[in-house]
Amino acid sequence: MTEPWASVEDVAKHLGVAKDSVYRWIDHRGLPAHKIGRLWKFKLSEVDEWVRAGGVDDGDATPEGDH
């Protein structure tokens, strides 16, 4: 079975950060994302690999609710 696509909201919940952080990481940190029309879609396995590889600095996350 193939891995389903995840939304920005799904990734934010998965990582425990604000959606704004996800958008910022796409633009400035190379978070693996695929643009489908106007929407960004993700494979959570790619996101997890990016995090493990050090894609984001510790102080770069905005905790959810700190918008």
C-alpha atoms as a PDB file:
ATOM      1  CA  MET A   1       0.000   0.000   0.000  1.00  0.00           C
ATOM      2  CA  THR A   2       1.319   3.454  -0.867  1.00  0.00           C
ATOM      3  CA  GLU A   3       1.791   6.173   1.718  1.00  0.00           C
ATOM      4  CA  PRO A   4      -1.014   8.756   1.690  1.00  0.00           C
ATOM      5  CA  TRP A   5      -0.355  12.444   1.082  1.00  0.00           C
ATOM      6  CA  ALA A   6      -0.461  14.721   4.126  1.00  0.00           C
ATOM      7  CA  SER A   7      -1.540  18.358   4.326  1.00  0.00           C
ATOM      8  CA  VAL A   8       0.227  21.297   5.970  1.00  0.00           C
ATOM      9  CA  GLU A   9      -2.132  20.868   8.933  1.00  0.00           C
ATOM     10  CA  ASP A  10      -1.277  17.150   9.167  1.00  0.00           C
ATOM     11  CA  VAL A  11       2.468  17.909   9.163  1.00  0.00           C
ATOM     12  CA  ALA A  12       2.063  20.649  11.771  1.00  0.00           C
ATOM     13  CA  LYS A  13       0.184  18.242  14.057  1.00  0.00           C
ATOM     14  CA  HIS A  14       2.677  15.442  13.366  1.00  0.00           C
ATOM     15  CA  LEU A  15       5.600  17.659  14.394  1.00  0.00           C
ATOM     16  CA  GLY A  16       3.754  19.590  17.115  1.00  0.00           C
ATOM     17  CA  VAL A  17       4.387  22.998  15.565  1.00  0.00           C
ATOM     18  CA  ALA A  18       2.354  25.838  14.073  1.00  0.00           C
ATOM     19  CA  LYS A  19       1.394  25.765  10.387  1.00  0.00           C
ATOM     20  CA  ASP A  20       3.419  28.972   9.948  1.00  0.00           C
ATOM     21  CA  SER A  21       6.552  27.020  10.881  1.00  0.00           C
ATOM     22  CA  VAL A  22       5.799  24.432   8.203  1.00  0.00           C
ATOM     23  CA  TYR A  23       5.453  27.136   5.521  1.00  0.00           C
ATOM     24  CA  ARG A  24       8.652  28.847   6.721  1.00  0.00           C
ATOM     25  CA  TRP A  25      10.567  25.546   6.609  1.00  0.00           C
ATOM     26  CA  ILE A  26       9.386  24.914   3.033  1.00  0.00           C
ATOM     27  CA  ASP A  27      10.706  28.341   1.985  1.00  0.00           C
ATOM     28  CA  HIS A  28      13.912  28.545   4.016  1.00  0.00           C
ATOM     29  CA  ARG A  29      14.947  25.087   5.238  1.00  0.00           C
ATOM     30  CA  GLY A  30      14.171  22.771   2.340  1.00  0.00           C
ATOM     31  CA  LEU A  31      11.334  20.841   3.989  1.00  0.00           C
ATOM     32  CA  PRO A  32      10.376  18.231   1.372  1.00  0.00           C
ATOM     33  CA  ALA A  33       7.022  19.323  -0.031  1.00  0.00           C
ATOM     34  CA  HIS A  34       5.165  18.878  -3.304  1.00  0.00           C
ATOM     35  CA  LYS A  35       2.918  21.608  -4.702  1.00  0.00           C
ATOM     36  CA  ILE A  36      -0.292  20.211  -6.154  1.00  0.00           C
ATOM     37  CA  GLY A  37      -2.266  23.084  -7.603  1.00  0.00           C
ATOM     38  CA  ARG A  38      -2.370  25.675  -4.809  1.00  0.00           C
ATOM     39  CA  LEU A  39      -1.849  23.122  -2.025  1.00  0.00           C
ATOM     40  CA  TRP A  40       1.326  21.794  -0.434  1.00  0.00           C
ATOM     41  CA  LYS A  41       1.345  18.023   0.120  1.00  0.00           C
ATOM     42  CA  PHE A  42       3.841  15.871   1.981  1.00  0.00           C
ATOM     43  CA  LYS A  43       4.903  12.299   2.593  1.00  0.00           C
ATOM     44  CA  LEU A  44       5.363  11.969   6.349  1.00  0.00           C
ATOM     45  CA  SER A  45       8.239   9.530   5.810  1.00  0.00           C
ATOM     46  CA  GLU A  46      10.121  12.274   3.882  1.00  0.00           C
ATOM     47  CA  VAL A  47       9.339  14.822   6.604  1.00  0.00           C
ATOM     48  CA  ASP A  48      10.605  12.447   9.309  1.00  0.00           C
ATOM     49  CA  GLU A  49      13.787  11.786   7.337  1.00  0.00           C
ATOM     50  CA  TRP A  50      14.336  15.553   6.929  1.00  0.00           C
ATOM     51  CA  VAL A  51      13.934  16.089  10.685  1.00  0.00           C
ATOM     52  CA  ARG A  52      16.356  13.237  11.514  1.00  0.00           C
ATOM     53  CA  ALA A  53      18.892  14.714   9.079  1.00  0.00           C
ATOM     54  CA  GLY A  54      18.839  17.999  11.037  1.00  0.00           C
ATOM     55  CA  GLY A  55      16.593  19.975   8.697  1.00  0.00           C
ATOM     56  CA  VAL A  56      15.435  22.296  11.465  1.00  0.00           C
ATOM     57  CA  ASP A  57      17.358  23.947  14.284  1.00  0.00           C
ATOM     58  CA  ASP A  58      16.069  23.466  17.843  1.00  0.00           C
ATOM     59  CA  GLY A  59      15.145  27.118  18.248  1.00  0.00           C
ATOM     60  CA  ASP A  60      13.373  27.414  14.907  1.00  0.00           C
ATOM     61  CA  ALA A  61      10.034  25.819  15.826  1.00  0.00           C
ATOM     62  CA  THR A  62       6.966  27.777  16.842  1.00  0.00           C
ATOM     63  CA  PRO A  63       5.009  25.603  19.286  1.00  0.00           C
ATOM     64  CA  GLU A  64       1.398  25.031  18.344  1.00  0.00           C
ATOM     65  CA  GLY A  65      -0.766  27.705  19.887  1.00  0.00           C
ATOM     66  CA  ASP A  66       2.079  30.276  19.764  1.00  0.00           C
ATOM     67  CA  HIS A  67       0.886  31.806  16.478  1.00  0.00           C
END
